[in-house]
Amino acid sequence: MLILSVETSTWTGSVALLKNRVLLGEMAVSNKTYHSQRILKMIDLLLKECQVALPEVDLFAVSVGPGSFTGLRVGIATVKGLATGLNKPVKGVPALEVFARQIPFTPWLICPLIPARKNEVYTALYQYQDPFTLVSLKPARQIPLANLLKELEEGGTPVHLLGDLPEGAIAKGSETRIYHSPLDRAPRASALALAAFQKGEENFSEETELIMPEYPSLKVQADGLYL
C-alpha cells in the first residue's frame, strides 16, 4: 500500500510517501511561509524524486489537529481535493497522536505539545502499552505552557516532552526526568503516514467529506471556528 501524507498543524509543513511500513521519502520546511504557497510544490517534488505517479497512491493521510487553524484547513483541503479527484480514501489522524508516535517504544510517558494562542499549548499524554500499542492517558486539552511544565516537573514520572520550547523552559534539576529532544519540535508526515497505515488496517471507510480540523476547546467546537 502506497500512502501520501500531509502534515500542516504547525509552521513546519511536511509531506511523506510510505510503502506499507517503508519510508520512500519525506520533505519538511519550517518557516513563516504559508502552507498554501508550498504544500503542492512539495508533494510534486517528493513524487518526482521517488519516481511515483500521483494516481499510484492508494491512501491519502492528513493531520486533523489541533494546531494552526489556517495550516490545518490548507492541508485537509489539499488532501481532500487530490483524493476526491482520484477517488481514493483519506485517513485523518490527530496531530498530537502523530507527534507522540515519533518516539519509539519507551517505558517513559510521552507528552507532545503544539502551540496555541496567548502562551497556551495543545497537549495530551501517551504511553506505550507494548512496542506496538500507544495508549492515550490524558485526552487533548488546551493549557498555559507554564502550567503544563509545572505539572510535569511536579509529577515525578519520567517523560519525553515534544514540541517547540523556549530556551531554559525546563527548570534546573528536571532535565534528567523531563527529556526534551531538540529535533522533535513538530509532528512529521512520516509518523502520520505510519499511523494512517496502522489505522487503515482496521478500516478505510472514513467519509472524506467528514474529515475536518479537531480542537479540544469546547468554545471552538461550539462556535464552529474550525470550519
N, C-alpha and C. Protein backbone atom coordinates (compact mmCIF):
# COMPACT_ATOMS: atom_id res chain seq x y z
N MET A 1 0.83 -1.20 0.00
CA MET A 1 0.00 0.00 0.00
C MET A 1 0.86 1.24 0.00
N LEU A 2 0.56 2.19 -0.88
CA LEU A 2 1.31 3.43 -1.02
C LEU A 2 0.50 4.56 -0.37
N ILE A 3 1.11 5.23 0.61
CA ILE A 3 0.43 6.28 1.37
C ILE A 3 1.14 7.61 1.19
N LEU A 4 0.39 8.64 0.85
CA LEU A 4 0.92 10.00 0.79
C LEU A 4 0.31 10.79 1.95
N SER A 5 1.15 11.36 2.79
CA SER A 5 0.67 12.06 3.98
C SER A 5 1.07 13.53 3.95
N VAL A 6 0.20 14.36 4.53
CA VAL A 6 0.42 15.81 4.59
C VAL A 6 0.20 16.28 6.03
N GLU A 7 1.22 16.93 6.61
CA GLU A 7 1.15 17.41 8.00
C GLU A 7 1.35 18.92 8.00
N THR A 8 0.33 19.68 8.44
CA THR A 8 0.40 21.15 8.41
C THR A 8 -0.14 21.77 9.70
N SER A 9 -0.02 21.09 10.82
CA SER A 9 -0.60 21.60 12.07
C SER A 9 0.25 22.70 12.70
N THR A 10 1.52 22.85 12.28
CA THR A 10 2.40 23.89 12.80
C THR A 10 3.04 24.61 11.62
N TRP A 11 3.97 25.54 11.93
CA TRP A 11 4.70 26.22 10.86
C TRP A 11 5.57 25.26 10.06
N THR A 12 5.92 24.11 10.66
CA THR A 12 6.70 23.11 9.94
C THR A 12 5.76 22.24 9.12
N GLY A 13 5.72 22.47 7.84
CA GLY A 13 4.90 21.65 6.97
C GLY A 13 5.72 20.50 6.41
N SER A 14 5.14 19.31 6.32
CA SER A 14 5.88 18.17 5.80
C SER A 14 4.97 17.24 5.00
N VAL A 15 5.58 16.54 4.06
CA VAL A 15 4.87 15.53 3.26
C VAL A 15 5.74 14.29 3.23
N ALA A 16 5.12 13.13 3.15
CA ALA A 16 5.88 11.88 3.14
C ALA A 16 5.19 10.85 2.27
N LEU A 17 5.99 9.91 1.79
CA LEU A 17 5.49 8.81 0.97
C LEU A 17 5.94 7.51 1.62
N LEU A 18 4.98 6.67 1.94
CA LEU A 18 5.26 5.43 2.66
C LEU A 18 4.70 4.26 1.86
N LYS A 19 5.51 3.21 1.68
CA LYS A 19 5.01 1.99 1.05
C LYS A 19 4.94 0.93 2.14
N ASN A 20 3.71 0.62 2.55
CA ASN A 20 3.48 -0.22 3.72
C ASN A 20 4.19 0.42 4.91
N ARG A 21 5.21 -0.19 5.46
CA ARG A 21 5.92 0.40 6.60
C ARG A 21 7.27 1.00 6.21
N VAL A 22 7.55 1.05 4.92
CA VAL A 22 8.85 1.54 4.45
C VAL A 22 8.73 2.98 3.96
N LEU A 23 9.53 3.88 4.52
CA LEU A 23 9.52 5.28 4.12
C LEU A 23 10.30 5.45 2.83
N LEU A 24 9.62 5.93 1.77
CA LEU A 24 10.28 6.16 0.50
C LEU A 24 10.90 7.55 0.43
N GLY A 25 10.25 8.51 1.09
CA GLY A 25 10.78 9.87 1.07
C GLY A 25 9.96 10.80 1.94
N GLU A 26 10.60 11.88 2.39
CA GLU A 26 9.92 12.87 3.23
C GLU A 26 10.55 14.23 3.01
N MET A 27 9.71 15.27 3.01
CA MET A 27 10.19 16.65 2.89
C MET A 27 9.55 17.47 4.00
N ALA A 28 10.35 18.35 4.61
CA ALA A 28 9.83 19.23 5.66
C ALA A 28 10.46 20.60 5.52
N VAL A 29 9.65 21.64 5.68
CA VAL A 29 10.11 23.01 5.63
C VAL A 29 9.52 23.77 6.80
N SER A 30 10.38 24.47 7.55
CA SER A 30 9.91 25.23 8.71
C SER A 30 10.26 26.70 8.54
N ASN A 31 9.27 27.50 8.18
CA ASN A 31 9.42 28.95 8.13
C ASN A 31 8.04 29.58 8.15
N LYS A 32 7.98 30.89 8.04
CA LYS A 32 6.71 31.60 8.16
C LYS A 32 5.93 31.69 6.84
N THR A 33 6.40 30.98 5.83
CA THR A 33 5.68 30.94 4.56
C THR A 33 4.37 30.16 4.74
N TYR A 34 3.30 30.65 4.15
CA TYR A 34 2.02 29.96 4.27
C TYR A 34 2.07 28.61 3.56
N HIS A 35 1.44 27.60 4.18
CA HIS A 35 1.42 26.26 3.60
C HIS A 35 0.79 26.27 2.21
N SER A 36 -0.16 27.17 1.99
CA SER A 36 -0.84 27.22 0.70
C SER A 36 0.11 27.57 -0.44
N GLN A 37 1.24 28.19 -0.10
CA GLN A 37 2.20 28.60 -1.11
C GLN A 37 3.22 27.51 -1.45
N ARG A 38 3.25 26.44 -0.65
CA ARG A 38 4.32 25.48 -0.88
C ARG A 38 3.90 24.02 -0.85
N ILE A 39 2.75 23.68 -0.25
CA ILE A 39 2.47 22.27 0.00
C ILE A 39 2.31 21.47 -1.28
N LEU A 40 1.65 22.02 -2.31
CA LEU A 40 1.51 21.30 -3.57
C LEU A 40 2.85 21.15 -4.28
N LYS A 41 3.72 22.16 -4.16
CA LYS A 41 5.04 22.07 -4.76
C LYS A 41 5.85 20.97 -4.08
N MET A 42 5.72 20.86 -2.75
CA MET A 42 6.44 19.82 -2.01
C MET A 42 5.96 18.44 -2.41
N ILE A 43 4.64 18.29 -2.57
CA ILE A 43 4.09 16.99 -2.97
C ILE A 43 4.60 16.61 -4.36
N ASP A 44 4.57 17.56 -5.26
CA ASP A 44 5.02 17.30 -6.63
C ASP A 44 6.49 16.90 -6.66
N LEU A 45 7.33 17.62 -5.92
CA LEU A 45 8.76 17.31 -5.89
C LEU A 45 9.03 15.95 -5.25
N LEU A 46 8.32 15.66 -4.18
CA LEU A 46 8.50 14.37 -3.49
C LEU A 46 8.15 13.21 -4.42
N LEU A 47 7.03 13.31 -5.12
CA LEU A 47 6.62 12.25 -6.03
C LEU A 47 7.63 12.05 -7.15
N LYS A 48 8.15 13.16 -7.68
CA LYS A 48 9.14 13.07 -8.75
C LYS A 48 10.42 12.41 -8.25
N GLU A 49 10.89 12.81 -7.08
CA GLU A 49 12.13 12.25 -6.53
C GLU A 49 11.98 10.76 -6.21
N CYS A 50 10.77 10.35 -5.82
CA CYS A 50 10.52 8.94 -5.50
C CYS A 50 10.08 8.14 -6.73
N GLN A 51 9.96 8.84 -7.87
CA GLN A 51 9.54 8.21 -9.13
C GLN A 51 8.20 7.50 -8.97
N VAL A 52 7.26 8.24 -8.39
CA VAL A 52 5.91 7.72 -8.18
C VAL A 52 4.92 8.69 -8.82
N ALA A 53 3.95 8.16 -9.56
CA ALA A 53 2.89 8.99 -10.15
C ALA A 53 1.76 9.12 -9.15
N LEU A 54 1.13 10.29 -9.10
CA LEU A 54 0.07 10.54 -8.12
C LEU A 54 -1.04 9.49 -8.16
N PRO A 55 -1.49 9.03 -9.32
CA PRO A 55 -2.56 8.01 -9.35
C PRO A 55 -2.17 6.68 -8.70
N GLU A 56 -0.87 6.45 -8.47
CA GLU A 56 -0.42 5.21 -7.84
C GLU A 56 -0.69 5.21 -6.34
N VAL A 57 -0.92 6.38 -5.75
CA VAL A 57 -1.17 6.46 -4.31
C VAL A 57 -2.47 5.74 -3.97
N ASP A 58 -2.41 4.88 -2.95
CA ASP A 58 -3.59 4.10 -2.54
C ASP A 58 -4.39 4.80 -1.44
N LEU A 59 -3.69 5.57 -0.60
CA LEU A 59 -4.34 6.20 0.54
C LEU A 59 -3.69 7.55 0.82
N PHE A 60 -4.51 8.55 1.09
CA PHE A 60 -4.02 9.87 1.50
C PHE A 60 -4.24 10.02 3.00
N ALA A 61 -3.25 10.55 3.70
CA ALA A 61 -3.37 10.76 5.13
C ALA A 61 -3.14 12.23 5.44
N VAL A 62 -3.86 12.74 6.42
CA VAL A 62 -3.73 14.15 6.76
C VAL A 62 -3.90 14.34 8.26
N SER A 63 -3.16 15.28 8.80
CA SER A 63 -3.28 15.63 10.21
C SER A 63 -4.51 16.50 10.41
N VAL A 64 -5.33 16.18 11.42
CA VAL A 64 -6.57 16.92 11.65
C VAL A 64 -6.51 17.83 12.87
N GLY A 65 -5.32 18.00 13.43
CA GLY A 65 -5.18 18.93 14.55
C GLY A 65 -5.27 18.25 15.90
N PRO A 66 -5.21 19.08 16.93
CA PRO A 66 -5.26 20.54 16.92
C PRO A 66 -3.97 21.17 16.40
N GLY A 67 -4.03 22.49 16.17
CA GLY A 67 -2.88 23.20 15.66
C GLY A 67 -3.30 24.48 14.98
N SER A 68 -2.52 24.92 14.02
CA SER A 68 -2.81 26.15 13.28
C SER A 68 -4.13 26.04 12.52
N PHE A 69 -5.05 26.97 12.74
CA PHE A 69 -6.33 26.95 12.04
C PHE A 69 -6.11 26.95 10.53
N THR A 70 -5.34 27.92 10.06
CA THR A 70 -5.12 28.06 8.62
C THR A 70 -4.35 26.88 8.06
N GLY A 71 -3.29 26.46 8.75
CA GLY A 71 -2.48 25.35 8.28
C GLY A 71 -3.28 24.08 8.12
N LEU A 72 -4.11 23.76 9.10
CA LEU A 72 -4.90 22.53 9.03
C LEU A 72 -5.92 22.59 7.90
N ARG A 73 -6.53 23.75 7.71
CA ARG A 73 -7.51 23.88 6.63
C ARG A 73 -6.85 23.70 5.27
N VAL A 74 -5.63 24.23 5.12
CA VAL A 74 -4.91 24.07 3.85
C VAL A 74 -4.57 22.61 3.62
N GLY A 75 -4.02 21.94 4.64
CA GLY A 75 -3.64 20.53 4.50
C GLY A 75 -4.83 19.64 4.19
N ILE A 76 -5.92 19.83 4.92
CA ILE A 76 -7.11 18.99 4.73
C ILE A 76 -7.73 19.25 3.36
N ALA A 77 -7.83 20.53 2.97
CA ALA A 77 -8.42 20.86 1.67
C ALA A 77 -7.58 20.28 0.53
N THR A 78 -6.25 20.34 0.68
CA THR A 78 -5.36 19.80 -0.35
C THR A 78 -5.56 18.29 -0.52
N VAL A 79 -5.56 17.60 0.59
CA VAL A 79 -5.70 16.14 0.55
C VAL A 79 -7.08 15.73 0.05
N LYS A 80 -8.11 16.43 0.51
CA LYS A 80 -9.47 16.12 0.04
C LYS A 80 -9.57 16.29 -1.47
N GLY A 81 -8.98 17.38 -1.97
CA GLY A 81 -9.05 17.64 -3.40
C GLY A 81 -8.36 16.56 -4.22
N LEU A 82 -7.15 16.17 -3.79
CA LEU A 82 -6.41 15.13 -4.51
C LEU A 82 -7.13 13.79 -4.44
N ALA A 83 -7.60 13.44 -3.26
CA ALA A 83 -8.25 12.14 -3.08
C ALA A 83 -9.58 12.06 -3.83
N THR A 84 -10.34 13.13 -3.79
CA THR A 84 -11.63 13.13 -4.49
C THR A 84 -11.44 13.00 -5.99
N GLY A 85 -10.45 13.73 -6.52
CA GLY A 85 -10.19 13.66 -7.95
C GLY A 85 -9.75 12.29 -8.42
N LEU A 86 -9.09 11.55 -7.53
CA LEU A 86 -8.59 10.22 -7.89
C LEU A 86 -9.48 9.10 -7.35
N ASN A 87 -10.53 9.49 -6.60
CA ASN A 87 -11.43 8.51 -6.00
C ASN A 87 -10.67 7.56 -5.08
N LYS A 88 -9.81 8.14 -4.22
CA LYS A 88 -9.02 7.36 -3.27
C LYS A 88 -9.44 7.71 -1.83
N PRO A 89 -9.25 6.81 -0.89
CA PRO A 89 -9.65 7.08 0.50
C PRO A 89 -8.70 8.03 1.21
N VAL A 90 -9.22 8.65 2.26
CA VAL A 90 -8.45 9.57 3.10
C VAL A 90 -8.56 9.14 4.55
N LYS A 91 -7.46 9.23 5.28
CA LYS A 91 -7.48 8.93 6.70
C LYS A 91 -7.00 10.15 7.47
N GLY A 92 -7.82 10.65 8.41
CA GLY A 92 -7.43 11.76 9.25
C GLY A 92 -6.91 11.24 10.59
N VAL A 93 -5.79 11.80 11.05
CA VAL A 93 -5.16 11.35 12.30
C VAL A 93 -4.88 12.57 13.19
N PRO A 94 -5.20 12.51 14.48
CA PRO A 94 -4.93 13.63 15.38
C PRO A 94 -3.44 13.98 15.42
N ALA A 95 -3.13 15.26 15.37
CA ALA A 95 -1.74 15.71 15.31
C ALA A 95 -0.94 15.33 16.56
N LEU A 96 -1.55 15.37 17.73
CA LEU A 96 -0.82 15.03 18.95
C LEU A 96 -0.47 13.55 18.99
N GLU A 97 -1.34 12.71 18.48
CA GLU A 97 -1.04 11.28 18.40
C GLU A 97 0.11 11.04 17.42
N VAL A 98 0.06 11.73 16.28
CA VAL A 98 1.15 11.64 15.30
C VAL A 98 2.47 12.01 15.96
N PHE A 99 2.46 13.12 16.68
CA PHE A 99 3.66 13.63 17.35
C PHE A 99 4.21 12.59 18.33
N ALA A 100 3.33 12.02 19.13
CA ALA A 100 3.75 11.04 20.14
C ALA A 100 4.37 9.80 19.50
N ARG A 101 3.87 9.40 18.34
CA ARG A 101 4.37 8.20 17.66
C ARG A 101 5.79 8.38 17.12
N GLN A 102 6.29 9.61 17.13
CA GLN A 102 7.67 9.82 16.67
C GLN A 102 8.69 9.29 17.67
N ILE A 103 8.25 9.03 18.89
CA ILE A 103 9.11 8.40 19.89
C ILE A 103 8.90 6.89 19.80
N PRO A 104 9.96 6.13 19.55
CA PRO A 104 9.80 4.67 19.53
C PRO A 104 9.49 4.14 20.92
N PHE A 105 9.27 2.86 21.01
CA PHE A 105 8.87 2.25 22.29
C PHE A 105 9.76 2.68 23.44
N THR A 106 9.13 3.12 24.51
CA THR A 106 9.82 3.57 25.72
C THR A 106 8.90 3.36 26.91
N PRO A 107 9.44 3.09 28.10
CA PRO A 107 8.60 2.96 29.28
C PRO A 107 8.18 4.33 29.83
N TRP A 108 8.82 5.40 29.36
CA TRP A 108 8.50 6.75 29.82
C TRP A 108 7.16 7.22 29.26
N LEU A 109 6.58 8.21 29.92
CA LEU A 109 5.41 8.89 29.38
C LEU A 109 5.84 9.74 28.19
N ILE A 110 4.90 10.05 27.32
CA ILE A 110 5.18 10.90 26.16
C ILE A 110 4.18 12.05 26.16
N CYS A 111 4.71 13.28 26.18
CA CYS A 111 3.86 14.47 26.24
C CYS A 111 4.17 15.39 25.06
N PRO A 112 3.40 15.30 23.97
CA PRO A 112 3.59 16.21 22.84
C PRO A 112 2.85 17.52 23.09
N LEU A 113 3.38 18.61 22.57
CA LEU A 113 2.67 19.89 22.67
C LEU A 113 2.78 20.64 21.35
N ILE A 114 1.71 21.34 21.02
CA ILE A 114 1.63 22.15 19.81
C ILE A 114 1.18 23.54 20.22
N PRO A 115 1.85 24.59 19.74
CA PRO A 115 1.48 25.95 20.15
C PRO A 115 0.03 26.30 19.84
N ALA A 116 -0.62 26.96 20.80
CA ALA A 116 -1.95 27.52 20.60
C ALA A 116 -1.78 29.05 20.63
N ARG A 117 -2.72 29.76 21.22
CA ARG A 117 -2.60 31.21 21.30
C ARG A 117 -2.39 31.66 22.75
N LYS A 118 -1.87 32.89 22.92
CA LYS A 118 -1.72 33.51 24.24
C LYS A 118 -0.90 32.65 25.19
N ASN A 119 0.27 32.18 24.73
CA ASN A 119 1.19 31.38 25.55
C ASN A 119 0.57 30.08 26.04
N GLU A 120 -0.41 29.57 25.31
CA GLU A 120 -1.00 28.28 25.64
C GLU A 120 -0.59 27.24 24.61
N VAL A 121 -0.77 25.97 24.97
CA VAL A 121 -0.42 24.87 24.07
C VAL A 121 -1.54 23.85 24.05
N TYR A 122 -1.62 23.10 22.96
CA TYR A 122 -2.46 21.91 22.91
C TYR A 122 -1.57 20.75 23.32
N THR A 123 -2.05 19.90 24.19
CA THR A 123 -1.22 18.80 24.66
C THR A 123 -2.07 17.59 25.04
N ALA A 124 -1.41 16.47 25.19
CA ALA A 124 -2.05 15.22 25.63
C ALA A 124 -0.95 14.37 26.25
N LEU A 125 -1.31 13.24 26.80
CA LEU A 125 -0.33 12.37 27.44
C LEU A 125 -0.52 10.94 26.96
N TYR A 126 0.58 10.31 26.55
CA TYR A 126 0.53 8.95 26.00
C TYR A 126 1.57 8.06 26.68
N GLN A 127 1.35 6.75 26.53
CA GLN A 127 2.34 5.77 26.98
C GLN A 127 2.17 4.49 26.17
N TYR A 128 3.29 3.83 25.90
CA TYR A 128 3.22 2.57 25.17
C TYR A 128 2.77 1.45 26.10
N GLN A 129 1.77 0.72 25.65
CA GLN A 129 1.30 -0.47 26.37
C GLN A 129 2.21 -1.65 26.05
N ASP A 130 2.67 -1.68 24.80
CA ASP A 130 3.64 -2.66 24.33
C ASP A 130 4.36 -1.99 23.16
N PRO A 131 5.36 -2.63 22.56
CA PRO A 131 6.12 -1.96 21.49
C PRO A 131 5.29 -1.48 20.30
N PHE A 132 4.05 -1.94 20.17
CA PHE A 132 3.25 -1.57 19.01
C PHE A 132 1.96 -0.82 19.36
N THR A 133 1.66 -0.67 20.64
CA THR A 133 0.39 -0.08 21.06
C THR A 133 0.60 1.16 21.89
N LEU A 134 0.20 2.32 21.33
CA LEU A 134 0.30 3.59 22.04
C LEU A 134 -1.06 3.92 22.64
N VAL A 135 -1.09 4.17 23.94
CA VAL A 135 -2.35 4.40 24.66
C VAL A 135 -2.43 5.85 25.12
N SER A 136 -3.61 6.45 24.99
CA SER A 136 -3.85 7.81 25.46
C SER A 136 -4.18 7.78 26.95
N LEU A 137 -3.38 8.47 27.76
CA LEU A 137 -3.63 8.53 29.20
C LEU A 137 -4.43 9.77 29.57
N LYS A 138 -4.21 10.87 28.85
CA LYS A 138 -4.97 12.10 29.04
C LYS A 138 -5.36 12.63 27.66
N PRO A 139 -6.63 12.95 27.44
CA PRO A 139 -7.06 13.43 26.13
C PRO A 139 -6.50 14.83 25.83
N ALA A 140 -6.64 15.24 24.58
CA ALA A 140 -6.15 16.55 24.16
C ALA A 140 -6.82 17.66 24.98
N ARG A 141 -6.04 18.67 25.33
CA ARG A 141 -6.56 19.81 26.07
C ARG A 141 -5.73 21.04 25.73
N GLN A 142 -6.26 22.20 26.04
CA GLN A 142 -5.55 23.45 25.85
C GLN A 142 -5.21 24.01 27.22
N ILE A 143 -3.92 24.37 27.43
CA ILE A 143 -3.46 24.76 28.75
C ILE A 143 -2.29 25.73 28.61
N PRO A 144 -2.13 26.68 29.55
CA PRO A 144 -0.95 27.55 29.51
C PRO A 144 0.32 26.72 29.59
N LEU A 145 1.32 27.07 28.80
CA LEU A 145 2.57 26.32 28.79
C LEU A 145 3.19 26.25 30.17
N ALA A 146 3.16 27.34 30.92
CA ALA A 146 3.75 27.38 32.26
C ALA A 146 3.07 26.36 33.18
N ASN A 147 1.76 26.22 33.06
CA ASN A 147 1.02 25.25 33.88
C ASN A 147 1.39 23.82 33.53
N LEU A 148 1.55 23.56 32.23
CA LEU A 148 1.92 22.20 31.81
C LEU A 148 3.31 21.84 32.33
N LEU A 149 4.26 22.74 32.19
CA LEU A 149 5.61 22.48 32.66
C LEU A 149 5.63 22.25 34.16
N LYS A 150 4.84 23.01 34.89
CA LYS A 150 4.76 22.84 36.35
C LYS A 150 4.21 21.47 36.70
N GLU A 151 3.17 21.03 35.97
CA GLU A 151 2.60 19.70 36.19
C GLU A 151 3.64 18.61 35.98
N LEU A 152 4.39 18.72 34.89
CA LEU A 152 5.39 17.70 34.58
C LEU A 152 6.53 17.70 35.58
N GLU A 153 6.94 18.89 36.02
CA GLU A 153 8.04 19.00 36.98
C GLU A 153 7.64 18.43 38.34
N GLU A 154 6.37 18.57 38.69
CA GLU A 154 5.89 18.08 39.99
C GLU A 154 5.38 16.65 39.92
N GLY A 155 5.27 16.11 38.72
CA GLY A 155 4.68 14.79 38.56
C GLY A 155 5.53 13.65 39.07
N GLY A 156 6.84 13.79 38.99
CA GLY A 156 7.72 12.75 39.50
C GLY A 156 7.92 11.57 38.58
N THR A 157 7.29 11.58 37.39
CA THR A 157 7.39 10.47 36.44
C THR A 157 8.22 10.89 35.23
N PRO A 158 9.18 10.08 34.80
CA PRO A 158 9.97 10.42 33.61
C PRO A 158 9.09 10.60 32.39
N VAL A 159 9.40 11.62 31.58
CA VAL A 159 8.54 11.93 30.43
C VAL A 159 9.37 12.47 29.27
N HIS A 160 8.99 12.06 28.06
CA HIS A 160 9.54 12.65 26.84
C HIS A 160 8.64 13.83 26.48
N LEU A 161 9.20 15.03 26.45
CA LEU A 161 8.45 16.22 26.13
C LEU A 161 8.78 16.64 24.70
N LEU A 162 7.76 16.70 23.84
CA LEU A 162 7.96 17.01 22.43
C LEU A 162 7.32 18.35 22.09
N GLY A 163 8.03 19.19 21.35
CA GLY A 163 7.45 20.46 20.94
C GLY A 163 8.47 21.58 20.94
N ASP A 164 8.05 22.72 20.44
CA ASP A 164 8.93 23.88 20.33
C ASP A 164 8.90 24.65 21.65
N LEU A 165 10.00 24.58 22.41
CA LEU A 165 10.07 25.23 23.72
C LEU A 165 11.11 26.35 23.70
N PRO A 166 10.87 27.43 24.44
CA PRO A 166 11.89 28.47 24.56
C PRO A 166 13.08 27.96 25.36
N GLU A 167 14.23 28.55 25.10
CA GLU A 167 15.46 28.16 25.81
C GLU A 167 15.27 28.32 27.31
N GLY A 168 15.65 27.28 28.08
CA GLY A 168 15.58 27.35 29.53
C GLY A 168 14.20 27.15 30.11
N ALA A 169 13.25 26.66 29.30
CA ALA A 169 11.88 26.48 29.79
C ALA A 169 11.78 25.41 30.86
N ILE A 170 12.60 24.37 30.75
CA ILE A 170 12.58 23.28 31.73
C ILE A 170 13.45 23.68 32.92
N ALA A 171 12.89 23.59 34.10
CA ALA A 171 13.57 24.03 35.31
C ALA A 171 14.84 23.22 35.56
N LYS A 172 15.83 23.87 36.13
CA LYS A 172 17.07 23.20 36.52
C LYS A 172 16.76 22.07 37.48
N GLY A 173 17.38 20.94 37.25
CA GLY A 173 17.15 19.78 38.10
C GLY A 173 16.10 18.84 37.54
N SER A 174 15.32 19.31 36.56
CA SER A 174 14.27 18.47 35.96
C SER A 174 14.71 17.85 34.65
N GLU A 175 15.90 18.28 34.14
CA GLU A 175 16.33 17.82 32.82
C GLU A 175 16.55 16.31 32.74
N THR A 176 16.91 15.68 33.86
CA THR A 176 17.17 14.24 33.84
C THR A 176 15.89 13.42 33.85
N ARG A 177 14.77 14.07 34.18
CA ARG A 177 13.48 13.37 34.23
C ARG A 177 12.54 13.82 33.12
N ILE A 178 12.70 15.07 32.67
CA ILE A 178 11.91 15.58 31.55
C ILE A 178 12.86 15.75 30.37
N TYR A 179 12.78 14.82 29.44
CA TYR A 179 13.71 14.85 28.30
C TYR A 179 13.07 15.54 27.12
N HIS A 180 13.68 16.62 26.67
CA HIS A 180 13.17 17.37 25.52
C HIS A 180 14.14 17.23 24.37
N SER A 181 13.69 16.58 23.28
CA SER A 181 14.54 16.38 22.12
C SER A 181 14.54 17.64 21.26
N PRO A 182 15.71 18.21 20.97
CA PRO A 182 15.77 19.42 20.13
C PRO A 182 15.33 19.17 18.69
N LEU A 183 15.28 17.91 18.26
CA LEU A 183 14.89 17.59 16.89
C LEU A 183 13.39 17.34 16.75
N ASP A 184 12.73 17.03 17.86
CA ASP A 184 11.29 16.73 17.80
C ASP A 184 10.50 17.96 18.22
N ARG A 185 10.43 18.95 17.31
CA ARG A 185 9.74 20.20 17.61
C ARG A 185 8.39 20.32 16.91
N ALA A 186 8.09 19.39 16.02
CA ALA A 186 6.81 19.43 15.29
C ALA A 186 6.47 18.03 14.80
N PRO A 187 5.17 17.74 14.63
CA PRO A 187 4.77 16.45 14.07
C PRO A 187 5.34 16.29 12.66
N ARG A 188 5.66 15.04 12.29
CA ARG A 188 6.23 14.78 10.97
C ARG A 188 5.28 13.92 10.13
N ALA A 189 5.32 14.17 8.84
CA ALA A 189 4.44 13.45 7.92
C ALA A 189 4.74 11.95 7.88
N SER A 190 5.99 11.57 8.13
CA SER A 190 6.34 10.14 8.11
C SER A 190 5.62 9.39 9.24
N ALA A 191 5.57 10.00 10.43
CA ALA A 191 4.84 9.38 11.55
C ALA A 191 3.34 9.36 11.26
N LEU A 192 2.86 10.39 10.60
CA LEU A 192 1.45 10.44 10.20
C LEU A 192 1.11 9.31 9.24
N ALA A 193 1.97 9.08 8.26
CA ALA A 193 1.72 8.02 7.28
C ALA A 193 1.70 6.64 7.96
N LEU A 194 2.63 6.42 8.88
CA LEU A 194 2.67 5.14 9.58
C LEU A 194 1.43 4.94 10.43
N ALA A 195 1.00 5.99 11.12
CA ALA A 195 -0.22 5.90 11.93
C ALA A 195 -1.43 5.60 11.05
N ALA A 196 -1.49 6.24 9.89
CA ALA A 196 -2.61 6.00 8.97
C ALA A 196 -2.60 4.58 8.46
N PHE A 197 -1.40 4.04 8.19
CA PHE A 197 -1.29 2.66 7.73
C PHE A 197 -1.82 1.69 8.79
N GLN A 198 -1.42 1.93 10.04
CA GLN A 198 -1.86 1.05 11.12
C GLN A 198 -3.36 1.17 11.35
N LYS A 199 -3.90 2.38 11.28
CA LYS A 199 -5.33 2.57 11.45
C LYS A 199 -6.10 2.06 10.23
N GLY A 200 -5.47 2.19 9.08
CA GLY A 200 -6.10 1.75 7.85
C GLY A 200 -6.33 0.26 7.80
N GLU A 201 -5.48 -0.47 8.52
CA GLU A 201 -5.66 -1.91 8.56
C GLU A 201 -6.99 -2.26 9.23
N GLU A 202 -7.47 -1.30 10.08
CA GLU A 202 -8.74 -1.52 10.75
C GLU A 202 -9.91 -1.20 9.82
N ASN A 203 -9.80 -0.03 9.11
CA ASN A 203 -10.87 0.34 8.20
C ASN A 203 -10.49 1.54 7.34
N PHE A 204 -10.98 1.51 6.10
CA PHE A 204 -10.73 2.60 5.16
C PHE A 204 -12.04 3.29 4.77
N SER A 205 -13.08 3.07 5.54
CA SER A 205 -14.41 3.54 5.14
C SER A 205 -14.71 4.97 5.60
N GLU A 206 -13.72 5.66 6.18
CA GLU A 206 -13.95 7.01 6.67
C GLU A 206 -14.43 7.92 5.53
N GLU A 207 -15.48 8.69 5.79
CA GLU A 207 -16.04 9.57 4.78
C GLU A 207 -15.11 10.78 4.59
N THR A 208 -14.61 10.97 3.38
CA THR A 208 -13.67 12.05 3.11
C THR A 208 -14.25 13.41 3.47
N GLU A 209 -15.52 13.64 3.14
CA GLU A 209 -16.11 14.96 3.37
C GLU A 209 -16.30 15.26 4.86
N LEU A 210 -16.26 14.24 5.71
CA LEU A 210 -16.46 14.45 7.14
C LEU A 210 -15.16 14.78 7.87
N ILE A 211 -14.03 14.69 7.20
CA ILE A 211 -12.76 14.99 7.84
C ILE A 211 -12.61 16.50 7.96
N MET A 212 -12.40 16.99 9.17
CA MET A 212 -12.24 18.41 9.42
C MET A 212 -11.32 18.61 10.62
N PRO A 213 -10.80 19.83 10.81
CA PRO A 213 -9.91 20.08 11.95
C PRO A 213 -10.58 19.75 13.28
N GLU A 214 -9.79 19.21 14.22
CA GLU A 214 -10.30 18.86 15.54
C GLU A 214 -9.60 19.70 16.60
N TYR A 215 -10.39 20.20 17.57
CA TYR A 215 -9.83 21.01 18.65
C TYR A 215 -10.44 20.57 19.98
N PRO A 216 -9.64 20.58 21.06
CA PRO A 216 -10.16 20.18 22.37
C PRO A 216 -11.02 21.24 23.03
N SER A 217 -10.95 22.49 22.56
CA SER A 217 -11.70 23.58 23.17
C SER A 217 -13.19 23.46 22.84
N LEU A 218 -14.04 23.41 23.87
CA LEU A 218 -15.48 23.33 23.66
C LEU A 218 -16.00 24.60 23.00
N LYS A 219 -15.38 25.75 23.33
CA LYS A 219 -15.80 27.01 22.73
C LYS A 219 -15.54 27.00 21.22
N VAL A 220 -14.37 26.47 20.83
CA VAL A 220 -14.06 26.39 19.40
C VAL A 220 -15.08 25.52 18.69
N GLN A 221 -15.41 24.39 19.28
CA GLN A 221 -16.37 23.49 18.65
C GLN A 221 -17.76 24.12 18.60
N ALA A 222 -18.16 24.77 19.69
CA ALA A 222 -19.50 25.37 19.76
C ALA A 222 -19.67 26.51 18.78
N ASP A 223 -18.62 27.33 18.62
CA ASP A 223 -18.70 28.49 17.74
C ASP A 223 -18.43 28.14 16.28
N GLY A 224 -17.99 26.89 16.04
CA GLY A 224 -17.75 26.48 14.67
C GLY A 224 -16.54 27.16 14.04
N LEU A 225 -15.57 27.56 14.88
CA LEU A 225 -14.42 28.29 14.38
C LEU A 225 -13.48 27.40 13.57
N TYR A 226 -13.67 26.08 13.64
CA TYR A 226 -12.77 25.20 12.90
C TYR A 226 -13.25 24.95 11.47
N LEU A 227 -14.38 25.47 11.11
CA LEU A 227 -14.92 25.23 9.77
C LEU A 227 -14.24 26.12 8.74
